[in-house]
C-alpha atoms as a PDB file:
ATOM      1  CA  MET A   1       7.598  -7.776  -7.429  1.00  0.00           C
ATOM      2  CA  GLY A   2       6.146  -5.250  -5.029  1.00  0.00           C
ATOM      3  CA  ARG A   3       3.854  -2.316  -5.711  1.00  0.00           C
ATOM      4  CA  ILE A   4       4.310   1.351  -4.872  1.00  0.00           C
ATOM      5  CA  VAL A   5       1.571   3.959  -5.307  1.00  0.00           C
ATOM      6  CA  ARG A   6       1.440   7.722  -4.817  1.00  0.00           C
ATOM      7  CA  SER A   7      -1.833   9.569  -4.206  1.00  0.00           C
ATOM      8  CA  ILE A   8      -2.544  13.265  -3.740  1.00  0.00           C
ATOM      9  CA  SER A   9      -5.400  15.280  -2.270  1.00  0.00           C
ATOM     10  CA  ARG A  10      -7.571  17.282  -4.641  1.00  0.00           C
ATOM     11  CA  ASP A  11      -5.997  20.589  -3.577  1.00  0.00           C
ATOM     12  CA  ALA A  12      -2.488  19.042  -3.914  1.00  0.00           C
ATOM     13  CA  SER A  13      -1.626  19.941  -0.318  1.00  0.00           C
ATOM     14  CA  VAL A  14      -1.147  16.371   0.957  1.00  0.00           C
ATOM     15  CA  VAL A  15       0.700  13.502  -0.691  1.00  0.00           C
ATOM     16  CA  CYS A  16       0.795   9.885   0.409  1.00  0.00           C
ATOM     17  CA  SER A  17       2.933   7.080  -1.006  1.00  0.00           C
ATOM     18  CA  ALA A  18       2.314   3.479   0.032  1.00  0.00           C
ATOM     19  CA  ILE A  19       4.159   0.257  -0.721  1.00  0.00           C
ATOM     20  CA  ASP A  20       3.450  -3.444  -0.551  1.00  0.00           C
ATOM     21  CA  GLY A  21       7.026  -4.700  -0.377  1.00  0.00           C
ATOM     22  CA  THR A  22       6.451  -8.248   0.834  1.00  0.00           C
ATOM     23  CA  ASP A  23       8.479  -9.743  -2.033  1.00  0.00           C
ATOM     24  CA  ILE A  24      11.291  -7.240  -1.450  1.00  0.00           C
ATOM     25  CA  VAL A  25      11.680  -8.066   2.231  1.00  0.00           C
ATOM     26  CA  SER A  26      11.406 -11.780   1.425  1.00  0.00           C
ATOM     27  CA  GLU A  27      14.424 -11.331  -0.838  1.00  0.00           C
ATOM     28  CA  ILE A  28      16.266  -9.472   1.925  1.00  0.00           C
ATOM     29  CA  GLU A  29      15.637 -12.407   4.284  1.00  0.00           C
ATOM     30  CA  LYS A  30      16.887 -14.917   1.700  1.00  0.00           C
ATOM     31  CA  ILE A  31      20.052 -12.977   0.895  1.00  0.00           C
ATOM     32  CA  ASN A  32      20.984 -12.434   4.539  1.00  0.00           C
ATOM     33  CA  SER A  33      19.528 -15.592   6.117  1.00  0.00           C
ATOM     34  CA  SER A  34      18.517 -13.139   8.809  1.00  0.00           C
ATOM     35  CA  SER A  35      16.854 -13.794  12.135  1.00  0.00           C
ATOM     36  CA  ALA A  36      13.296 -12.577  12.630  1.00  0.00           C
ATOM     37  CA  VAL A  37      14.096  -9.308  14.426  1.00  0.00           C
ATOM     38  CA  ILE A  38      16.766  -8.379  11.863  1.00  0.00           C
ATOM     39  CA  THR A  39      14.437  -9.167   8.959  1.00  0.00           C
ATOM     40  CA  ALA A  40      11.899  -6.832  10.562  1.00  0.00           C
ATOM     41  CA  ALA A  41      14.463  -4.073  11.204  1.00  0.00           C
ATOM     42  CA  LEU A  42      16.189  -4.179   7.823  1.00  0.00           C
ATOM     43  CA  GLY A  43      12.862  -4.656   6.070  1.00  0.00           C
ATOM     44  CA  ARG A  44      11.476  -1.508   7.676  1.00  0.00           C
ATOM     45  CA  LEU A  45      14.576   0.460   6.704  1.00  0.00           C
ATOM     46  CA  ALA A  46      14.279  -0.799   3.121  1.00  0.00           C
ATOM     47  CA  MET A  47      10.584   0.118   2.957  1.00  0.00           C
ATOM     48  CA  GLY A  48      11.375   3.600   4.292  1.00  0.00           C
ATOM     49  CA  ALA A  49      14.171   4.081   1.770  1.00  0.00           C
ATOM     50  CA  SER A  50      11.935   2.919  -1.066  1.00  0.00           C
ATOM     51  CA  LEU A  51       9.221   5.419  -0.134  1.00  0.00           C
ATOM     52  CA  MET A  52      11.765   8.234   0.217  1.00  0.00           C
ATOM     53  CA  GLY A  53      13.436   7.348  -3.068  1.00  0.00           C
ATOM     54  CA  PHE A  54      10.073   7.364  -4.809  1.00  0.00           C
ATOM     55  CA  SER A  55       9.719  11.053  -3.953  1.00  0.00           C
ATOM     56  CA  LEU A  56      12.922  12.018  -5.794  1.00  0.00           C
ATOM     57  CA  LYS A  57      12.517  13.851  -9.085  1.00  0.00           C
ATOM     58  CA  GLY A  58      15.466  12.840 -11.309  1.00  0.00           C
ATOM     59  CA  LYS A  59      15.558   9.376 -12.865  1.00  0.00           C
ATOM     60  CA  ASP A  60      19.150   8.856 -11.683  1.00  0.00           C
ATOM     61  CA  ASP A  61      18.618  10.256  -8.174  1.00  0.00           C
ATOM     62  CA  THR A  62      19.209   7.965  -5.189  1.00  0.00           C
ATOM     63  CA  VAL A  63      18.758   8.091  -1.447  1.00  0.00           C
ATOM     64  CA  THR A  64      20.808   6.209   1.143  1.00  0.00           C
ATOM     65  CA  LEU A  65      19.594   5.600   4.681  1.00  0.00           C
ATOM     66  CA  ARG A  66      22.173   4.509   7.244  1.00  0.00           C
ATOM     67  CA  ILE A  67      21.404   3.789  10.881  1.00  0.00           C
ATOM     68  CA  ASN A  68      23.526   2.469  13.717  1.00  0.00           C
ATOM     69  CA  GLY A  69      22.202   2.812  17.230  1.00  0.00           C
ATOM     70  CA  LYS A  70      24.994   0.699  18.732  1.00  0.00           C
ATOM     71  CA  GLY A  71      22.578  -2.189  19.126  1.00  0.00           C
ATOM     72  CA  PRO A  72      23.449  -5.802  18.243  1.00  0.00           C
ATOM     73  CA  ALA A  73      22.311  -5.350  14.623  1.00  0.00           C
ATOM     74  CA  GLY A  74      25.251  -3.020  13.998  1.00  0.00           C
ATOM     75  CA  ASN A  75      25.337  -0.872  10.895  1.00  0.00           C
ATOM     76  CA  MET A  76      22.273  -0.977   8.617  1.00  0.00           C
ATOM     77  CA  ILE A  77      22.059   0.556   5.144  1.00  0.00           C
ATOM     78  CA  ALA A  78      19.321   0.831   2.527  1.00  0.00           C
ATOM     79  CA  VAL A  79      19.709   2.473  -0.887  1.00  0.00           C
ATOM     80  CA  ALA A  80      16.780   3.310  -3.168  1.00  0.00           C
ATOM     81  CA  ASP A  81      16.385   4.853  -6.602  1.00  0.00           C
ATOM     82  CA  SER A  82      13.700   7.286  -7.743  1.00  0.00           C
ATOM     83  CA  TYR A  83      11.457   4.408  -8.854  1.00  0.00           C
ATOM     84  CA  GLY A  84      11.435   2.897  -5.371  1.00  0.00           C
ATOM     85  CA  ASN A  85      13.707  -0.042  -6.170  1.00  0.00           C
ATOM     86  CA  VAL A  86      15.880  -0.774  -3.154  1.00  0.00           C
ATOM     87  CA  LYS A  87      18.800  -2.790  -1.810  1.00  0.00           C
ATOM     88  CA  ALA A  88      19.819  -3.246   1.821  1.00  0.00           C
ATOM     89  CA  TYR A  89      22.616  -4.522   4.046  1.00  0.00           C
ATOM     90  CA  VAL A  90      23.036  -5.285   7.746  1.00  0.00           C
ATOM     91  CA  GLN A  91      26.291  -5.846   9.590  1.00  0.00           C
ATOM     92  CA  ASN A  92      24.984  -8.598  11.866  1.00  0.00           C
ATOM     93  CA  PRO A  93      22.172 -10.575  10.189  1.00  0.00           C
ATOM     94  CA  VAL A  94      21.521 -12.962  13.086  1.00  0.00           C
ATOM     95  CA  VAL A  95      20.447 -11.483  16.414  1.00  0.00           C
ATOM     96  CA  GLU A  96      18.223 -13.254  18.922  1.00  0.00           C
ATOM     97  CA  LEU A  97      16.290 -11.153  21.421  1.00  0.00           C
ATOM     98  CA  PRO A  98      13.241 -11.743  23.632  1.00  0.00           C
ATOM     99  CA  LEU A  99       9.987 -10.140  22.525  1.00  0.00           C
ATOM    100  CA  ASN A 100       9.287  -6.643  23.805  1.00  0.00           C
ATOM    101  CA  ALA A 101       6.681  -5.711  26.406  1.00  0.00           C
ATOM    102  CA  LYS A 102       3.957  -5.757  23.722  1.00  0.00           C
ATOM    103  CA  GLY A 103       4.890  -9.265  22.637  1.00  0.00           C
ATOM    104  CA  LYS A 104       6.382  -7.984  19.380  1.00  0.00           C
ATOM    105  CA  LEU A 105       9.813  -8.308  17.804  1.00  0.00           C
ATOM    106  CA  ASP A 106      12.072  -5.847  19.636  1.00  0.00           C
ATOM    107  CA  VAL A 107      13.355  -3.891  16.636  1.00  0.00           C
ATOM    108  CA  GLY A 108      14.270  -0.887  18.777  1.00  0.00           C
ATOM    109  CA  LYS A 109      16.569  -2.947  20.982  1.00  0.00           C
ATOM    110  CA  ALA A 110      18.148  -4.694  17.977  1.00  0.00           C
ATOM    111  CA  VAL A 111      18.892  -1.356  16.298  1.00  0.00           C
ATOM    112  CA  GLY A 112      19.735   0.521  19.482  1.00  0.00           C
ATOM    113  CA  ARG A 113      19.054   4.124  20.399  1.00  0.00           C
ATOM    114  CA  ASP A 114      22.536   5.578  20.868  1.00  0.00           C
ATOM    115  CA  GLY A 115      23.391   6.901  17.430  1.00  0.00           C
ATOM    116  CA  VAL A 116      22.038   8.709  14.378  1.00  0.00           C
ATOM    117  CA  LEU A 117      19.966   8.142  11.268  1.00  0.00           C
ATOM    118  CA  SER A 118      21.863   9.540   8.278  1.00  0.00           C
ATOM    119  CA  VAL A 119      20.210  10.377   4.976  1.00  0.00           C
ATOM    120  CA  VAL A 120      22.240  11.027   1.826  1.00  0.00           C
ATOM    121  CA  LYS A 121      20.454  12.167  -1.339  1.00  0.00           C
ATOM    122  CA  ASP A 122      22.455  12.026  -4.556  1.00  0.00           C
ATOM    123  CA  LEU A 123      20.606  14.424  -6.845  1.00  0.00           C
ATOM    124  CA  GLY A 124      23.246  14.670  -9.555  1.00  0.00           C
ATOM    125  CA  LEU A 125      24.745  17.857  -8.124  1.00  0.00           C
ATOM    126  CA  LYS A 126      28.403  18.491  -7.283  1.00  0.00           C
ATOM    127  CA  GLU A 127      27.843  17.378  -3.702  1.00  0.00           C
ATOM    128  CA  PRO A 128      25.116  15.088  -2.324  1.00  0.00           C
ATOM    129  CA  TYR A 129      22.656  16.412   0.241  1.00  0.00           C
ATOM    130  CA  CYS A 130      23.421  14.980   3.680  1.00  0.00           C
ATOM    131  CA  GLY A 131      21.306  15.161   6.805  1.00  0.00           C
ATOM    132  CA  GLN A 132      21.219  13.303  10.081  1.00  0.00           C
ATOM    133  CA  VAL A 133      19.180  13.179  13.262  1.00  0.00           C
ATOM    134  CA  PRO A 134      19.604  11.418  16.593  1.00  0.00           C
ATOM    135  CA  ILE A 135      17.798   8.105  16.761  1.00  0.00           C
ATOM    136  CA  VAL A 136      14.445   8.519  18.494  1.00  0.00           C
ATOM    137  CA  SER A 137      13.417   4.920  19.098  1.00  0.00           C
ATOM    138  CA  GLY A 138      15.276   2.616  16.716  1.00  0.00           C
ATOM    139  CA  GLU A 139      11.884   1.489  15.410  1.00  0.00           C
ATOM    140  CA  ILE A 140      12.755   3.135  12.039  1.00  0.00           C
ATOM    141  CA  ALA A 141       9.410   4.777  11.168  1.00  0.00           C
ATOM    142  CA  GLU A 142       9.610   7.216  14.098  1.00  0.00           C
ATOM    143  CA  ASP A 143      13.206   7.973  13.191  1.00  0.00           C
ATOM    144  CA  ILE A 144      12.298   8.777   9.585  1.00  0.00           C
ATOM    145  CA  THR A 145       9.447  11.003  10.797  1.00  0.00           C
ATOM    146  CA  SER A 146      11.915  12.803  13.063  1.00  0.00           C
ATOM    147  CA  TYR A 147      14.338  13.257  10.163  1.00  0.00           C
ATOM    148  CA  PHE A 148      11.752  15.019   8.009  1.00  0.00           C
ATOM    149  CA  ALA A 149      10.571  17.232  10.866  1.00  0.00           C
ATOM    150  CA  THR A 150      14.111  18.232  11.859  1.00  0.00           C
ATOM    151  CA  SER A 151      16.155  18.271   8.648  1.00  0.00           C
ATOM    152  CA  GLU A 152      13.578  19.142   5.991  1.00  0.00           C
ATOM    153  CA  GLN A 153      10.855  20.781   8.119  1.00  0.00           C
ATOM    154  CA  ILE A 154       8.143  18.731   6.405  1.00  0.00           C
ATOM    155  CA  PRO A 155       5.239  17.501   8.562  1.00  0.00           C
ATOM    156  CA  THR A 156       5.347  13.758   7.924  1.00  0.00           C
ATOM    157  CA  VAL A 157       3.645  10.578   8.998  1.00  0.00           C
ATOM    158  CA  CYS A 158       5.642   7.411   8.377  1.00  0.00           C
ATOM    159  CA  ALA A 159       4.321   3.929   9.115  1.00  0.00           C
ATOM    160  CA  LEU A 160       6.298   0.771   8.377  1.00  0.00           C
ATOM    161  CA  GLY A 161       5.699  -2.874   9.151  1.00  0.00           C
ATOM    162  CA  VAL A 162       7.180  -6.322   8.595  1.00  0.00           C
ATOM    163  CA  LEU A 163       5.352  -9.467   9.734  1.00  0.00           C
ATOM    164  CA  VAL A 164       7.656 -12.473  10.058  1.00  0.00           C
ATOM    165  CA  ASP A 165       6.184 -15.970  10.268  1.00  0.00           C
ATOM    166  CA  THR A 166       7.326 -18.647  12.716  1.00  0.00           C
ATOM    167  CA  ASP A 167       9.436 -20.288   9.977  1.00  0.00           C
ATOM    168  CA  LEU A 168      11.234 -16.913   9.482  1.00  0.00           C
ATOM    169  CA  THR A 169       9.587 -16.264   6.111  1.00  0.00           C
ATOM    170  CA  VAL A 170       7.998 -12.870   5.494  1.00  0.00           C
ATOM    171  CA  LYS A 171       4.193 -12.871   5.565  1.00  0.00           C
ATOM    172  CA  LYS A 172       3.659  -9.172   4.843  1.00  0.00           C
ATOM    173  CA  ALA A 173       5.782  -6.031   4.599  1.00  0.00           C
ATOM    174  CA  GLY A 174       5.058  -2.494   3.560  1.00  0.00           C
ATOM    175  CA  GLY A 175       4.467   1.037   4.688  1.00  0.00           C
ATOM    176  CA  PHE A 176       3.289   4.504   3.817  1.00  0.00           C
ATOM    177  CA  LEU A 177       4.757   7.997   3.880  1.00  0.00           C
ATOM    178  CA  LEU A 178       2.356  10.925   4.134  1.00  0.00           C
ATOM    179  CA  GLN A 179       3.508  14.532   3.872  1.00  0.00           C
ATOM    180  CA  LEU A 180       1.748  17.876   4.175  1.00  0.00           C
ATOM    181  CA  LEU A 181       2.894  20.795   2.046  1.00  0.00           C
ATOM    182  CA  PRO A 182       3.232  24.290   3.593  1.00  0.00           C
ATOM    183  CA  PHE A 183      -0.081  25.501   2.198  1.00  0.00           C
ATOM    184  CA  ALA A 184      -2.111  22.568   3.583  1.00  0.00           C
ATOM    185  CA  PRO A 185      -5.188  23.982   5.371  1.00  0.00           C
ATOM    186  CA  ASP A 186      -5.905  23.196   9.014  1.00  0.00           C
ATOM    187  CA  GLU A 187      -8.944  21.194   7.906  1.00  0.00           C
ATOM    188  CA  ALA A 188      -6.667  18.838   5.970  1.00  0.00           C
ATOM    189  CA  THR A 189      -4.406  18.386   8.979  1.00  0.00           C
ATOM    190  CA  ASP A 190      -7.378  17.580  11.203  1.00  0.00           C
ATOM    191  CA  ARG A 191      -8.715  15.087   8.682  1.00  0.00           C
ATOM    192  CA  ILE A 192      -5.346  13.372   8.329  1.00  0.00           C
ATOM    193  CA  GLU A 193      -5.114  12.960  12.104  1.00  0.00           C
ATOM    194  CA  GLN A 194      -8.569  11.354  12.158  1.00  0.00           C
ATOM    195  CA  ASN A 195      -7.627   9.017   9.304  1.00  0.00           C
ATOM    196  CA  ILE A 196      -4.326   7.919  10.835  1.00  0.00           C
ATOM    197  CA  ASN A 197      -5.916   7.267  14.222  1.00  0.00           C
ATOM    198  CA  SER A 198      -8.568   5.064  12.645  1.00  0.00           C
ATOM    199  CA  MET A 199      -6.203   2.991  10.483  1.00  0.00           C
ATOM    200  CA  LYS A 200      -4.889  -0.429  11.493  1.00  0.00           C
ATOM    201  CA  THR A 201      -1.189  -1.207  11.377  1.00  0.00           C
ATOM    202  CA  VAL A 202       0.388  -1.605   7.957  1.00  0.00           C
ATOM    203  CA  THR A 203       0.767  -5.369   8.236  1.00  0.00           C
ATOM    204  CA  GLU A 204      -2.811  -5.746   9.513  1.00  0.00           C
ATOM    205  CA  MET A 205      -4.117  -3.823   6.493  1.00  0.00           C
ATOM    206  CA  LEU A 206      -2.014  -5.931   4.120  1.00  0.00           C
ATOM    207  CA  CYS A 207      -3.181  -9.137   5.825  1.00  0.00           C
ATOM    208  CA  ASP A 208      -6.764  -7.913   5.345  1.00  0.00           C
ATOM    209  CA  GLY A 209      -6.059  -7.882   1.616  1.00  0.00           C
ATOM    210  CA  MET A 210      -5.692  -4.139   1.147  1.00  0.00           C
ATOM    211  CA  THR A 211      -3.494  -2.970  -1.706  1.00  0.00           C
ATOM    212  CA  ALA A 212      -0.929  -0.175  -1.620  1.00  0.00           C
ATOM    213  CA  GLU A 213      -3.382   1.972  -3.580  1.00  0.00           C
ATOM    214  CA  GLU A 214      -6.162   1.389  -1.074  1.00  0.00           C
ATOM    215  CA  ILE A 215      -3.869   2.221   1.846  1.00  0.00           C
ATOM    216  CA  SER A 216      -2.720   5.490   0.259  1.00  0.00           C
ATOM    217  CA  LEU A 217      -6.300   6.501  -0.523  1.00  0.00           C
ATOM    218  CA  MET A 218      -7.481   5.596   2.985  1.00  0.00           C
ATOM    219  CA  ALA A 219      -4.840   7.864   4.499  1.00  0.00           C
ATOM    220  CA  LEU A 220      -6.233  10.728   2.391  1.00  0.00           C
ATOM    221  CA  ASP A 221      -9.884   9.852   2.889  1.00  0.00           C
ATOM    222  CA  GLY A 222     -12.123  12.923   2.877  1.00  0.00           C
ATOM    223  CA  LEU A 223      -9.636  14.988   0.838  1.00  0.00           C
ATOM    224  CA  GLU A 224     -10.891  13.772  -2.569  1.00  0.00           C
ATOM    225  CA  PRO A 225      -7.624  12.006  -3.422  1.00  0.00           C
ATOM    226  CA  ASN A 226      -6.461  10.759  -6.795  1.00  0.00           C
ATOM    227  CA  VAL A 227      -3.732   8.273  -7.698  1.00  0.00           C
ATOM    228  CA  LEU A 228      -0.724   9.962  -9.302  1.00  0.00           C
ATOM    229  CA  ASP A 229       1.652   7.025  -9.859  1.00  0.00           C
ATOM    230  CA  ASP A 230       1.479   3.255  -9.674  1.00  0.00           C
ATOM    231  CA  PHE A 231       4.598   1.167 -10.325  1.00  0.00           C
ATOM    232  CA  GLU A 232       6.068  -2.261  -9.822  1.00  0.00           C
ATOM    233  CA  VAL A 233       9.035  -2.116  -7.476  1.00  0.00           C
ATOM    234  CA  GLY A 234      11.635  -4.658  -6.460  1.00  0.00           C
ATOM    235  CA  TYR A 235      14.880  -5.534  -4.727  1.00  0.00           C
ATOM    236  CA  ARG A 236      17.553  -4.399  -7.149  1.00  0.00           C
ATOM    237  CA  CYS A 237      21.318  -4.451  -6.717  1.00  0.00           C
ATOM    238  CA  ASP A 238      23.245  -2.550  -9.377  1.00  0.00           C
ATOM    239  CA  CYS A 239      26.681  -3.964  -8.575  1.00  0.00           C
ATOM    240  CA  SER A 240      29.102  -4.823 -11.397  1.00  0.00           C
ATOM    241  CA  LYS A 241      32.747  -5.725 -11.805  1.00  0.00           C
ATOM    242  CA  GLU A 242      33.426  -2.164 -12.975  1.00  0.00           C
ATOM    243  CA  ARG A 243      31.920  -0.732  -9.776  1.00  0.00           C
ATOM    244  CA  VAL A 244      33.929  -3.133  -7.634  1.00  0.00           C
ATOM    245  CA  GLU A 245      37.072  -2.171  -9.559  1.00  0.00           C
ATOM    246  CA  ARG A 246      36.430   1.498  -8.779  1.00  0.00           C
ATOM    247  CA  ALA A 247      36.075   0.564  -5.124  1.00  0.00           C
ATOM    248  CA  LEU A 248      39.417  -1.256  -5.249  1.00  0.00           C
ATOM    249  CA  ILE A 249      41.059   1.793  -6.835  1.00  0.00           C
ATOM    250  CA  SER A 250      39.899   3.847  -3.850  1.00  0.00           C
ATOM    251  CA  LEU A 251      42.006   1.624  -1.583  1.00  0.00           C
ATOM    252  CA  GLY A 252      45.170   3.258  -2.906  1.00  0.00           C
ATOM    253  CA  ARG A 253      48.492   1.848  -4.052  1.00  0.00           C
ATOM    254  CA  GLU A 254      49.697   0.550  -0.680  1.00  0.00           C
ATOM    255  CA  GLN A 255      46.662  -1.591   0.108  1.00  0.00           C
ATOM    256  CA  LEU A 256      46.390  -2.782  -3.485  1.00  0.00           C
ATOM    257  CA  SER A 257      50.022  -3.908  -3.378  1.00  0.00           C
ATOM    258  CA  GLU A 258      49.215  -6.062  -0.353  1.00  0.00           C
ATOM    259  CA  LEU A 259      46.604  -7.886  -2.442  1.00  0.00           C
ATOM    260  CA  LEU A 260      49.376  -9.039  -4.807  1.00  0.00           C
ATOM    261  CA  GLU A 261      50.427 -11.539  -2.147  1.00  0.00           C
ATOM    262  CA  ASP A 262      47.418 -13.670  -3.139  1.00  0.00           C
ATOM    263  CA  GLU A 263      46.920 -15.287  -6.519  1.00  0.00           C
ATOM    264  CA  ASN A 264      43.275 -14.228  -6.575  1.00  0.00           C
ATOM    265  CA  THR A 265      41.251 -11.584  -4.770  1.00  0.00           C
ATOM    266  CA  ASN A 266      37.562 -12.289  -4.252  1.00  0.00           C
ATOM    267  CA  VAL A 267      35.212  -9.420  -3.440  1.00  0.00           C
ATOM    268  CA  LYS A 268      31.645 -10.120  -2.344  1.00  0.00           C
ATOM    269  CA  CYS A 269      28.864  -7.559  -2.778  1.00  0.00           C
ATOM    270  CA  HIS A 270      27.271  -6.811   0.603  1.00  0.00           C
ATOM    271  CA  PHE A 271      23.881  -6.212  -0.991  1.00  0.00           C
ATOM    272  CA  CYS A 272      23.423  -9.353  -3.109  1.00  0.00           C
ATOM    273  CA  THR A 273      26.363 -11.640  -2.105  1.00  0.00           C
ATOM    274  CA  LYS A 274      27.562 -11.902  -5.707  1.00  0.00           C
ATOM    275  CA  GLU A 275      31.312 -12.535  -5.862  1.00  0.00           C
ATOM    276  CA  TYR A 276      33.795 -10.877  -8.206  1.00  0.00           C
ATOM    277  CA  ASN A 277      37.208 -12.414  -8.858  1.00  0.00           C
ATOM    278  CA  PHE A 278      40.338 -10.388  -9.584  1.00  0.00           C
ATOM    279  CA  SER A 279      43.522 -12.206 -10.569  1.00  0.00           C
ATOM    280  CA  ARG A 280      46.979 -10.993  -9.566  1.00  0.00           C
ATOM    281  CA  ASP A 281      47.343  -9.564 -13.094  1.00  0.00           C
ATOM    282  CA  ASP A 282      44.025  -7.716 -12.683  1.00  0.00           C
ATOM    283  CA  ILE A 283      45.312  -6.095  -9.496  1.00  0.00           C
ATOM    284  CA  LYS A 284      48.593  -5.177 -11.236  1.00  0.00           C
ATOM    285  CA  ASN A 285      46.628  -3.482 -14.031  1.00  0.00           C
ATOM    286  CA  ILE A 286      44.562  -1.565 -11.462  1.00  0.00           C
ATOM    287  CA  ILE A 287      47.764  -0.344  -9.817  1.00  0.00           C
ATOM    288  CA  LYS A 288      49.123   0.705 -13.217  1.00  0.00           C
ATOM    289  CA  SER A 289      45.942   2.681 -13.864  1.00  0.00           C
ATOM    290  CA  LEU A 290      46.795   4.885 -10.867  1.00  0.00           C
ATOM    291  CA  ASP A 291      49.723   6.287 -12.867  1.00  0.00           C
ATOM    292  CA  LYS A 292      47.527   7.468 -15.722  1.00  0.00           C
END
């Protein structure tokens, strides 16, 4: 299990959530058998979704991040609940690219930069909140920062990192999301800038043995911060045969009738690879349900 922590400045004008999601991204790598650059890209998106989900108020609220920059990774999706639990999917799990100019995994090139980052928040209302921004870099953290600045007008600092070992296992993964509220004084803004400039990368801090709590408090150093929340968080897919059946119903009568040509229909969950089997009789019953 991972750990997610939220801290707040004494005057409640700045909030910072941080996550150690090494176990979560390790699970993502195992499920997808992904190459190093895809593990890094999808892991960052999952960490960002987890941090954004953790800021939601309702226990049944969810947030979905979708990004496709027309790079070789293709479509990438991460869905998180309000506790920070997350699941993720990538269209093309194996992509091989040379390292970038800094000698790092070229996440930006894998994701691409010709597209948008879409954010959908299901808050239990009649319609979900939807926002999207053009991709800035494909490096994920910058794109999430751009989303908050453009769509929600919230000054935000987002930092995400995934360190993949030579054997493709995940050494460290995590991130933090810091946001300033409208009444934050200039002194707080100046202090935050000093703190961020002095901090190492997320994976360097995790490799140094820092916890999510310590990272969140370091980001708010000098603002007399306190820890608000501290939870275990994990990779969690909520798929079920009932959910898959509802997805089949959405296909409509014509496409469902085509499935009757096969004795069995197998549907695999993109997020956890679990398979659900529907017999010809099951499909017939689903078609009958459309008449009710």
